[in-house]
Amino acid sequence: MASLPTYGRSISRPGMIPDDAPLFWRSLGKWGVGFALFLALAALMVSLQLFQVTAEGTSKRTLRRSVAALTEIDPLIERNYDDLQQRAAAAAPGDTVQLKNFPIAIPLTPDEVKGQGKQQVRDLIIDRAADLMYAHGTEPLRVNPQASSSVGLFTVGGVTDTGLDFLRSRHHDLLGVLTLALAALCAFLGVALAVLCRGFGRLASVGGVVLAVAIPVLFAGIGARFYMRIVSEGDTEYIQHEFLLIGQGLAWIPIRDGAAFTVFGAALLVVGVGCAAWADRGAASRSG
């Protein structure tokens, strides 16, 4: 029996794969890779911001201000400055002195104390406390380990302890490796998505995914900074006020990262859509 002409197209029979099966799988692949890229970019944004938060400069600035608030070093200096100067003057060579009632052991040589003003002594103690905590976490700050272990994780004290303990060099190094790995994964998925797409849609698709991740991060940072600023201007306790000010400074990290990724994603999207529209207009004019 003679077969019917197909004119370049094959007629599907029952049990056979439809003619548009490659298109279906290609479309499914694009959505799958696009979603995977979205998740990888979201993880990269979190890892990148934590990497920046735990950087030495940012961490030590946060730790210095936190230690000053938690230990109430200013009234301690006022009460014990004269005694510290007397003990430094009477100390033998090789001896060290410490500020009384300060919860972190910070030994000072007599020469570092004698003749120094209150502000200089305060800054020296705070700087060394921040260095110590960046290297070892909050353990040096715990005068009574048994008492600190009973603090609940979701209490104010528990959140403060966990947050400050996270600001250490070991975590920064681990986050650096994780951030690089996630960046490589995002690059791979971005290339895969571009290969699955066609024409200038390759740029637009990658740009759209980047925007979908970056815009929420940008607005979350802006919202968090605005909220903490409003609360800090109200009637708050000293320690709460200080931590709100610290949070306002740290909120610039997601704002900067979100803005940078938003500009990058928007550029890819605009170039892709614009070039596609220009190509379609040129094709229409040639066919006309």
C-alpha atoms as a PDB file:
ATOM      1  CA  MET A   1       0.000   0.000   0.000  1.00  0.00           C
ATOM      2  CA  ALA A   2       1.406   3.319  -1.054  1.00  0.00           C
ATOM      3  CA  SER A   3       2.198   5.710   1.710  1.00  0.00           C
ATOM      4  CA  LEU A   4       0.728   9.184   1.765  1.00  0.00           C
ATOM      5  CA  PRO A   5       3.087  12.062   0.997  1.00  0.00           C
ATOM      6  CA  THR A   6       4.313  13.799   4.133  1.00  0.00           C
ATOM      7  CA  TYR A   7       5.799  16.913   2.520  1.00  0.00           C
ATOM      8  CA  GLY A   8       8.833  16.895   4.811  1.00  0.00           C
ATOM      9  CA  ARG A   9       6.861  16.104   7.972  1.00  0.00           C
ATOM     10  CA  SER A  10       6.458  12.718   9.569  1.00  0.00           C
ATOM     11  CA  ILE A  11       3.007  11.599  10.672  1.00  0.00           C
ATOM     12  CA  SER A  12       2.985  10.311  14.212  1.00  0.00           C
ATOM     13  CA  ARG A  13       1.380   6.961  14.856  1.00  0.00           C
ATOM     14  CA  PRO A  14      -0.037   5.641  18.136  1.00  0.00           C
ATOM     15  CA  GLY A  15       2.778   4.779  20.508  1.00  0.00           C
ATOM     16  CA  MET A  16       5.267   7.005  18.711  1.00  0.00           C
ATOM     17  CA  ILE A  17       6.860  10.143  20.204  1.00  0.00           C
ATOM     18  CA  PRO A  18       5.106  13.302  18.971  1.00  0.00           C
ATOM     19  CA  ASP A  19       6.870  15.458  16.432  1.00  0.00           C
ATOM     20  CA  ASP A  20       7.214  18.330  18.965  1.00  0.00           C
ATOM     21  CA  ALA A  21       8.878  16.114  21.584  1.00  0.00           C
ATOM     22  CA  PRO A  22      12.318  17.742  21.149  1.00  0.00           C
ATOM     23  CA  LEU A  23      10.707  21.163  21.613  1.00  0.00           C
ATOM     24  CA  PHE A  24       8.901  19.945  24.742  1.00  0.00           C
ATOM     25  CA  TRP A  25      12.060  18.557  26.305  1.00  0.00           C
ATOM     26  CA  ARG A  26      13.979  21.686  25.359  1.00  0.00           C
ATOM     27  CA  SER A  27      11.347  23.867  27.017  1.00  0.00           C
ATOM     28  CA  LEU A  28      11.301  21.627  30.093  1.00  0.00           C
ATOM     29  CA  GLY A  29      15.087  21.788  30.241  1.00  0.00           C
ATOM     30  CA  LYS A  30      15.045  25.588  30.100  1.00  0.00           C
ATOM     31  CA  TRP A  31      12.593  25.833  32.976  1.00  0.00           C
ATOM     32  CA  GLY A  32      14.498  23.254  35.008  1.00  0.00           C
ATOM     33  CA  VAL A  33      17.876  24.886  34.470  1.00  0.00           C
ATOM     34  CA  GLY A  34      16.362  28.338  35.061  1.00  0.00           C
ATOM     35  CA  PHE A  35      14.915  27.231  38.394  1.00  0.00           C
ATOM     36  CA  ALA A  36      18.207  25.603  39.376  1.00  0.00           C
ATOM     37  CA  LEU A  37      20.019  28.842  38.476  1.00  0.00           C
ATOM     38  CA  PHE A  38      17.526  30.785  40.617  1.00  0.00           C
ATOM     39  CA  LEU A  39      18.219  28.568  43.636  1.00  0.00           C
ATOM     40  CA  ALA A  40      21.986  28.662  43.077  1.00  0.00           C
ATOM     41  CA  LEU A  41      21.981  32.456  42.758  1.00  0.00           C
ATOM     42  CA  ALA A  42      19.902  32.794  45.922  1.00  0.00           C
ATOM     43  CA  ALA A  43      22.388  30.595  47.785  1.00  0.00           C
ATOM     44  CA  LEU A  44      25.258  32.612  46.294  1.00  0.00           C
ATOM     45  CA  MET A  45      23.735  35.885  47.493  1.00  0.00           C
ATOM     46  CA  VAL A  46      23.388  34.543  51.035  1.00  0.00           C
ATOM     47  CA  SER A  47      26.903  33.097  51.047  1.00  0.00           C
ATOM     48  CA  LEU A  48      28.408  36.258  49.551  1.00  0.00           C
ATOM     49  CA  GLN A  49      26.788  38.504  52.146  1.00  0.00           C
ATOM     50  CA  LEU A  50      27.847  36.275  55.026  1.00  0.00           C
ATOM     51  CA  PHE A  51      31.363  36.230  53.559  1.00  0.00           C
ATOM     52  CA  GLN A  52      31.380  40.028  53.595  1.00  0.00           C
ATOM     53  CA  VAL A  53      29.902  40.229  57.105  1.00  0.00           C
ATOM     54  CA  THR A  54      32.605  37.905  58.469  1.00  0.00           C
ATOM     55  CA  ALA A  55      35.445  39.769  56.741  1.00  0.00           C
ATOM     56  CA  GLU A  56      38.090  40.925  59.208  1.00  0.00           C
ATOM     57  CA  GLY A  57      37.413  44.640  58.927  1.00  0.00           C
ATOM     58  CA  THR A  58      33.615  44.376  59.099  1.00  0.00           C
ATOM     59  CA  SER A  59      33.655  41.764  61.859  1.00  0.00           C
ATOM     60  CA  LYS A  60      36.082  43.624  64.080  1.00  0.00           C
ATOM     61  CA  ARG A  61      34.148  46.881  63.739  1.00  0.00           C
ATOM     62  CA  THR A  62      30.997  45.015  64.763  1.00  0.00           C
ATOM     63  CA  LEU A  63      32.764  43.207  67.604  1.00  0.00           C
ATOM     64  CA  ARG A  64      34.341  46.384  68.960  1.00  0.00           C
ATOM     65  CA  ARG A  65      31.006  48.145  69.173  1.00  0.00           C
ATOM     66  CA  SER A  66      29.248  45.054  70.547  1.00  0.00           C
ATOM     67  CA  VAL A  67      31.868  44.462  73.239  1.00  0.00           C
ATOM     68  CA  ALA A  68      31.723  48.113  74.283  1.00  0.00           C
ATOM     69  CA  ALA A  69      27.946  47.866  74.703  1.00  0.00           C
ATOM     70  CA  LEU A  70      27.797  44.447  76.377  1.00  0.00           C
ATOM     71  CA  THR A  71      30.656  44.988  78.834  1.00  0.00           C
ATOM     72  CA  GLU A  72      29.756  48.607  79.634  1.00  0.00           C
ATOM     73  CA  ILE A  73      33.428  49.492  79.399  1.00  0.00           C
ATOM     74  CA  ASP A  74      32.868  53.249  79.628  1.00  0.00           C
ATOM     75  CA  PRO A  75      31.635  53.237  83.241  1.00  0.00           C
ATOM     76  CA  LEU A  76      34.291  50.627  84.056  1.00  0.00           C
ATOM     77  CA  ILE A  77      37.000  52.941  82.776  1.00  0.00           C
ATOM     78  CA  GLU A  78      35.565  55.831  84.756  1.00  0.00           C
ATOM     79  CA  ARG A  79      35.538  53.824  88.012  1.00  0.00           C
ATOM     80  CA  ASN A  80      38.828  51.947  87.621  1.00  0.00           C
ATOM     81  CA  TYR A  81      41.084  54.217  85.569  1.00  0.00           C
ATOM     82  CA  ASP A  82      42.980  55.677  88.543  1.00  0.00           C
ATOM     83  CA  ASP A  83      43.435  52.231  90.089  1.00  0.00           C
ATOM     84  CA  LEU A  84      44.725  50.867  86.761  1.00  0.00           C
ATOM     85  CA  GLN A  85      47.254  53.701  86.532  1.00  0.00           C
ATOM     86  CA  GLN A  86      48.468  53.068  90.088  1.00  0.00           C
ATOM     87  CA  ARG A  87      48.883  49.344  89.522  1.00  0.00           C
ATOM     88  CA  ALA A  88      50.739  50.016  86.263  1.00  0.00           C
ATOM     89  CA  ALA A  89      53.104  52.439  88.025  1.00  0.00           C
ATOM     90  CA  ALA A  90      53.794  49.912  90.795  1.00  0.00           C
ATOM     91  CA  ALA A  91      54.141  46.899  88.489  1.00  0.00           C
ATOM     92  CA  ALA A  92      57.509  45.160  88.184  1.00  0.00           C
ATOM     93  CA  PRO A  93      59.179  44.615  84.807  1.00  0.00           C
ATOM     94  CA  GLY A  94      57.429  41.837  82.940  1.00  0.00           C
ATOM     95  CA  ASP A  95      54.174  42.169  84.915  1.00  0.00           C
ATOM     96  CA  THR A  96      50.827  42.887  83.308  1.00  0.00           C
ATOM     97  CA  VAL A  97      47.705  44.621  84.558  1.00  0.00           C
ATOM     98  CA  GLN A  98      44.042  44.258  83.652  1.00  0.00           C
ATOM     99  CA  LEU A  99      40.978  46.445  83.920  1.00  0.00           C
ATOM    100  CA  LYS A 100      38.951  45.339  86.940  1.00  0.00           C
ATOM    101  CA  ASN A 101      35.554  43.709  86.306  1.00  0.00           C
ATOM    102  CA  PHE A 102      36.098  43.586  82.550  1.00  0.00           C
ATOM    103  CA  PRO A 103      34.735  40.147  81.483  1.00  0.00           C
ATOM    104  CA  ILE A 104      37.496  39.414  78.960  1.00  0.00           C
ATOM    105  CA  ALA A 105      41.069  38.819  80.073  1.00  0.00           C
ATOM    106  CA  ILE A 106      43.061  41.529  78.296  1.00  0.00           C
ATOM    107  CA  PRO A 107      46.580  41.794  79.805  1.00  0.00           C
ATOM    108  CA  LEU A 108      48.273  45.151  79.364  1.00  0.00           C
ATOM    109  CA  THR A 109      51.892  46.018  79.963  1.00  0.00           C
ATOM    110  CA  PRO A 110      52.601  48.921  82.341  1.00  0.00           C
ATOM    111  CA  ASP A 111      54.002  50.985  79.459  1.00  0.00           C
ATOM    112  CA  GLU A 112      50.715  50.591  77.555  1.00  0.00           C
ATOM    113  CA  VAL A 113      48.806  52.096  80.487  1.00  0.00           C
ATOM    114  CA  LYS A 114      51.091  54.676  82.123  1.00  0.00           C
ATOM    115  CA  GLY A 115      50.507  58.171  80.824  1.00  0.00           C
ATOM    116  CA  GLN A 116      47.678  57.105  78.505  1.00  0.00           C
ATOM    117  CA  GLY A 117      44.308  58.820  78.645  1.00  0.00           C
ATOM    118  CA  LYS A 118      41.034  57.064  79.315  1.00  0.00           C
ATOM    119  CA  GLN A 119      40.063  56.989  75.652  1.00  0.00           C
ATOM    120  CA  GLN A 120      43.396  55.480  74.602  1.00  0.00           C
ATOM    121  CA  VAL A 121      43.181  52.752  77.246  1.00  0.00           C
ATOM    122  CA  ARG A 122      39.560  52.056  76.324  1.00  0.00           C
ATOM    123  CA  ASP A 123      40.339  51.754  72.601  1.00  0.00           C
ATOM    124  CA  LEU A 124      43.307  49.461  73.278  1.00  0.00           C
ATOM    125  CA  ILE A 125      41.218  47.102  75.410  1.00  0.00           C
ATOM    126  CA  ILE A 126      38.323  47.055  72.925  1.00  0.00           C
ATOM    127  CA  ASP A 127      40.647  46.455  69.967  1.00  0.00           C
ATOM    128  CA  ARG A 128      42.324  43.488  71.656  1.00  0.00           C
ATOM    129  CA  ALA A 129      38.975  42.082  72.778  1.00  0.00           C
ATOM    130  CA  ALA A 130      37.726  42.239  69.176  1.00  0.00           C
ATOM    131  CA  ASP A 131      40.910  40.536  67.935  1.00  0.00           C
ATOM    132  CA  LEU A 132      40.488  37.794  70.512  1.00  0.00           C
ATOM    133  CA  MET A 133      36.835  37.192  69.676  1.00  0.00           C
ATOM    134  CA  TYR A 134      37.471  37.208  65.922  1.00  0.00           C
ATOM    135  CA  ALA A 135      39.975  34.411  66.457  1.00  0.00           C
ATOM    136  CA  HIS A 136      38.137  32.386  69.128  1.00  0.00           C
ATOM    137  CA  GLY A 137      34.479  33.436  69.059  1.00  0.00           C
ATOM    138  CA  THR A 138      32.516  34.477  72.138  1.00  0.00           C
ATOM    139  CA  GLU A 139      34.152  31.953  74.471  1.00  0.00           C
ATOM    140  CA  PRO A 140      36.520  34.589  75.968  1.00  0.00           C
ATOM    141  CA  LEU A 141      33.461  36.703  76.827  1.00  0.00           C
ATOM    142  CA  ARG A 142      31.823  33.954  78.901  1.00  0.00           C
ATOM    143  CA  VAL A 143      32.815  34.473  82.486  1.00  0.00           C
ATOM    144  CA  ASN A 144      30.560  31.660  83.684  1.00  0.00           C
ATOM    145  CA  PRO A 145      30.288  28.956  80.980  1.00  0.00           C
ATOM    146  CA  GLN A 146      27.626  27.034  82.920  1.00  0.00           C
ATOM    147  CA  ALA A 147      25.429  30.119  83.102  1.00  0.00           C
ATOM    148  CA  SER A 148      25.889  30.940  79.406  1.00  0.00           C
ATOM    149  CA  SER A 149      25.015  27.407  78.342  1.00  0.00           C
ATOM    150  CA  SER A 150      21.563  27.754  79.911  1.00  0.00           C
ATOM    151  CA  VAL A 151      20.658  30.719  77.700  1.00  0.00           C
ATOM    152  CA  GLY A 152      18.071  29.709  75.103  1.00  0.00           C
ATOM    153  CA  LEU A 153      19.009  29.912  71.447  1.00  0.00           C
ATOM    154  CA  PHE A 154      15.975  32.028  70.549  1.00  0.00           C
ATOM    155  CA  THR A 155      16.279  34.458  73.445  1.00  0.00           C
ATOM    156  CA  VAL A 156      17.903  37.868  73.011  1.00  0.00           C
ATOM    157  CA  GLY A 157      21.007  36.621  74.787  1.00  0.00           C
ATOM    158  CA  GLY A 158      21.111  33.458  72.686  1.00  0.00           C
ATOM    159  CA  VAL A 159      20.732  35.315  69.388  1.00  0.00           C
ATOM    160  CA  THR A 160      23.404  37.818  70.436  1.00  0.00           C
ATOM    161  CA  ASP A 161      25.807  35.068  71.484  1.00  0.00           C
ATOM    162  CA  THR A 162      25.221  33.082  68.278  1.00  0.00           C
ATOM    163  CA  GLY A 163      25.553  36.141  66.064  1.00  0.00           C
ATOM    164  CA  LEU A 164      28.772  37.377  67.632  1.00  0.00           C
ATOM    165  CA  ASP A 165      30.230  33.869  67.735  1.00  0.00           C
ATOM    166  CA  PHE A 166      29.657  33.626  63.980  1.00  0.00           C
ATOM    167  CA  LEU A 167      31.944  36.624  63.351  1.00  0.00           C
ATOM    168  CA  ARG A 168      35.238  34.773  63.297  1.00  0.00           C
ATOM    169  CA  SER A 169      38.042  34.108  60.851  1.00  0.00           C
ATOM    170  CA  ARG A 170      37.353  30.374  60.544  1.00  0.00           C
ATOM    171  CA  HIS A 171      33.831  30.967  59.293  1.00  0.00           C
ATOM    172  CA  HIS A 172      35.084  33.626  56.879  1.00  0.00           C
ATOM    173  CA  ASP A 173      37.522  31.144  55.310  1.00  0.00           C
ATOM    174  CA  LEU A 174      34.829  28.468  54.947  1.00  0.00           C
ATOM    175  CA  LEU A 175      32.418  30.955  53.411  1.00  0.00           C
ATOM    176  CA  GLY A 176      35.080  32.027  50.921  1.00  0.00           C
ATOM    177  CA  VAL A 177      35.365  28.463  49.607  1.00  0.00           C
ATOM    178  CA  LEU A 178      31.571  28.060  49.532  1.00  0.00           C
ATOM    179  CA  THR A 179      31.085  31.365  47.711  1.00  0.00           C
ATOM    180  CA  LEU A 180      33.597  30.433  45.019  1.00  0.00           C
ATOM    181  CA  ALA A 181      31.952  27.031  44.542  1.00  0.00           C
ATOM    182  CA  LEU A 182      28.497  28.585  44.231  1.00  0.00           C
ATOM    183  CA  ALA A 183      29.807  31.220  41.821  1.00  0.00           C
ATOM    184  CA  ALA A 184      31.236  28.452  39.607  1.00  0.00           C
ATOM    185  CA  LEU A 185      27.917  26.572  39.762  1.00  0.00           C
ATOM    186  CA  CYS A 186      25.983  29.714  38.814  1.00  0.00           C
ATOM    187  CA  ALA A 187      28.311  30.334  35.879  1.00  0.00           C
ATOM    188  CA  PHE A 188      27.802  26.760  34.662  1.00  0.00           C
ATOM    189  CA  LEU A 189      24.017  26.967  34.988  1.00  0.00           C
ATOM    190  CA  GLY A 190      23.977  30.377  33.302  1.00  0.00           C
ATOM    191  CA  VAL A 191      25.869  28.999  30.311  1.00  0.00           C
ATOM    192  CA  ALA A 192      23.583  25.948  30.216  1.00  0.00           C
ATOM    193  CA  LEU A 193      20.490  28.160  30.213  1.00  0.00           C
ATOM    194  CA  ALA A 194      21.950  30.317  27.444  1.00  0.00           C
ATOM    195  CA  VAL A 195      22.658  27.205  25.343  1.00  0.00           C
ATOM    196  CA  LEU A 196      19.097  25.926  25.768  1.00  0.00           C
ATOM    197  CA  CYS A 197      17.623  29.287  24.750  1.00  0.00           C
ATOM    198  CA  ARG A 198      17.814  30.738  21.269  1.00  0.00           C
ATOM    199  CA  GLY A 199      18.890  34.035  19.824  1.00  0.00           C
ATOM    200  CA  PHE A 200      18.950  37.077  22.033  1.00  0.00           C
ATOM    201  CA  GLY A 201      16.613  35.307  24.439  1.00  0.00           C
ATOM    202  CA  ARG A 202      19.769  33.822  25.924  1.00  0.00           C
ATOM    203  CA  LEU A 203      20.726  37.156  27.454  1.00  0.00           C
ATOM    204  CA  ALA A 204      17.183  38.003  28.469  1.00  0.00           C
ATOM    205  CA  SER A 205      16.576  34.659  30.193  1.00  0.00           C
ATOM    206  CA  VAL A 206      19.741  34.867  32.300  1.00  0.00           C
ATOM    207  CA  GLY A 207      19.062  38.518  33.096  1.00  0.00           C
ATOM    208  CA  GLY A 208      15.509  37.722  34.177  1.00  0.00           C
ATOM    209  CA  VAL A 209      16.694  35.060  36.622  1.00  0.00           C
ATOM    210  CA  VAL A 210      19.324  37.394  38.077  1.00  0.00           C
ATOM    211  CA  LEU A 211      16.705  40.104  38.553  1.00  0.00           C
ATOM    212  CA  ALA A 212      14.300  37.660  40.226  1.00  0.00           C
ATOM    213  CA  VAL A 213      16.958  36.974  42.871  1.00  0.00           C
ATOM    214  CA  ALA A 214      18.535  40.424  43.222  1.00  0.00           C
ATOM    215  CA  ILE A 215      15.449  42.633  43.569  1.00  0.00           C
ATOM    216  CA  PRO A 216      14.103  40.916  46.747  1.00  0.00           C
ATOM    217  CA  VAL A 217      17.573  41.123  48.315  1.00  0.00           C
ATOM    218  CA  LEU A 218      17.802  44.834  47.513  1.00  0.00           C
ATOM    219  CA  PHE A 219      14.390  45.660  48.946  1.00  0.00           C
ATOM    220  CA  ALA A 220      14.937  43.419  51.975  1.00  0.00           C
ATOM    221  CA  GLY A 221      18.110  45.354  52.800  1.00  0.00           C
ATOM    222  CA  ILE A 222      16.373  48.702  52.334  1.00  0.00           C
ATOM    223  CA  GLY A 223      13.408  47.575  54.436  1.00  0.00           C
ATOM    224  CA  ALA A 224      15.604  46.219  57.226  1.00  0.00           C
ATOM    225  CA  ARG A 225      17.684  49.399  57.393  1.00  0.00           C
ATOM    226  CA  PHE A 226      14.595  51.613  57.376  1.00  0.00           C
ATOM    227  CA  TYR A 227      12.898  49.537  60.087  1.00  0.00           C
ATOM    228  CA  MET A 228      15.950  49.535  62.367  1.00  0.00           C
ATOM    229  CA  ARG A 229      16.376  53.262  61.900  1.00  0.00           C
ATOM    230  CA  ILE A 230      12.765  53.917  62.922  1.00  0.00           C
ATOM    231  CA  VAL A 231      13.032  51.653  65.972  1.00  0.00           C
ATOM    232  CA  SER A 232      16.382  53.117  67.057  1.00  0.00           C
ATOM    233  CA  GLU A 233      14.909  56.614  67.071  1.00  0.00           C
ATOM    234  CA  GLY A 234      12.289  55.509  69.578  1.00  0.00           C
ATOM    235  CA  ASP A 235      12.567  54.787  73.288  1.00  0.00           C
ATOM    236  CA  THR A 236      15.040  51.895  73.402  1.00  0.00           C
ATOM    237  CA  GLU A 237      17.545  50.620  75.927  1.00  0.00           C
ATOM    238  CA  TYR A 238      21.219  51.409  75.471  1.00  0.00           C
ATOM    239  CA  ILE A 239      22.294  47.923  74.355  1.00  0.00           C
ATOM    240  CA  GLN A 240      19.307  47.554  72.034  1.00  0.00           C
ATOM    241  CA  HIS A 241      20.028  50.979  70.545  1.00  0.00           C
ATOM    242  CA  GLU A 242      23.660  50.069  69.901  1.00  0.00           C
ATOM    243  CA  PHE A 243      22.764  46.797  68.187  1.00  0.00           C
ATOM    244  CA  LEU A 244      20.185  48.565  66.025  1.00  0.00           C
ATOM    245  CA  LEU A 245      22.893  50.998  64.907  1.00  0.00           C
ATOM    246  CA  ILE A 246      25.180  48.052  64.148  1.00  0.00           C
ATOM    247  CA  GLY A 247      22.388  46.435  62.143  1.00  0.00           C
ATOM    248  CA  GLN A 248      21.866  49.613  60.137  1.00  0.00           C
ATOM    249  CA  GLY A 249      25.509  49.562  59.117  1.00  0.00           C
ATOM    250  CA  LEU A 250      25.417  45.882  58.171  1.00  0.00           C
ATOM    251  CA  ALA A 251      22.231  46.427  56.131  1.00  0.00           C
ATOM    252  CA  TRP A 252      24.331  48.257  53.545  1.00  0.00           C
ATOM    253  CA  ILE A 253      25.801  44.893  52.513  1.00  0.00           C
ATOM    254  CA  PRO A 254      22.585  43.426  51.018  1.00  0.00           C
ATOM    255  CA  ILE A 255      21.708  46.858  49.636  1.00  0.00           C
ATOM    256  CA  ARG A 256      25.016  47.107  47.760  1.00  0.00           C
ATOM    257  CA  ASP A 257      24.974  43.486  46.593  1.00  0.00           C
ATOM    258  CA  GLY A 258      21.326  43.631  45.573  1.00  0.00           C
ATOM    259  CA  ALA A 259      21.864  46.867  43.665  1.00  0.00           C
ATOM    260  CA  ALA A 260      24.919  45.492  41.830  1.00  0.00           C
ATOM    261  CA  PHE A 261      23.154  42.273  40.793  1.00  0.00           C
ATOM    262  CA  THR A 262      20.022  44.225  39.848  1.00  0.00           C
ATOM    263  CA  VAL A 263      21.994  46.470  37.507  1.00  0.00           C
ATOM    264  CA  PHE A 264      23.756  43.439  35.995  1.00  0.00           C
ATOM    265  CA  GLY A 265      20.521  41.509  35.484  1.00  0.00           C
ATOM    266  CA  ALA A 266      18.685  44.538  34.111  1.00  0.00           C
ATOM    267  CA  ALA A 267      21.508  45.180  31.639  1.00  0.00           C
ATOM    268  CA  LEU A 268      21.331  41.609  30.331  1.00  0.00           C
ATOM    269  CA  LEU A 269      17.544  41.776  30.098  1.00  0.00           C
ATOM    270  CA  VAL A 270      17.439  45.140  28.325  1.00  0.00           C
ATOM    271  CA  VAL A 271      20.175  44.179  25.850  1.00  0.00           C
ATOM    272  CA  GLY A 272      18.520  40.828  25.115  1.00  0.00           C
ATOM    273  CA  VAL A 273      15.018  42.237  24.635  1.00  0.00           C
ATOM    274  CA  GLY A 274      16.284  45.259  22.713  1.00  0.00           C
ATOM    275  CA  CYS A 275      18.414  43.218  20.322  1.00  0.00           C
ATOM    276  CA  ALA A 276      15.585  40.745  19.785  1.00  0.00           C
ATOM    277  CA  ALA A 277      13.169  43.567  18.940  1.00  0.00           C
ATOM    278  CA  TRP A 278      15.725  45.106  16.585  1.00  0.00           C
ATOM    279  CA  ALA A 279      16.294  41.740  14.849  1.00  0.00           C
ATOM    280  CA  ASP A 280      12.543  41.175  14.458  1.00  0.00           C
ATOM    281  CA  ARG A 281      12.089  44.648  12.986  1.00  0.00           C
ATOM    282  CA  GLY A 282      14.903  44.042  10.533  1.00  0.00           C
ATOM    283  CA  ALA A 283      13.461  40.692   9.497  1.00  0.00           C
ATOM    284  CA  ALA A 284      10.006  42.250   9.007  1.00  0.00           C
ATOM    285  CA  SER A 285      11.425  45.025   6.822  1.00  0.00           C
ATOM    286  CA  ARG A 286      13.326  42.567   4.650  1.00  0.00           C
ATOM    287  CA  SER A 287      10.304  40.328   4.178  1.00  0.00           C
ATOM    288  CA  GLY A 288       8.162  43.381   3.311  1.00  0.00           C
END
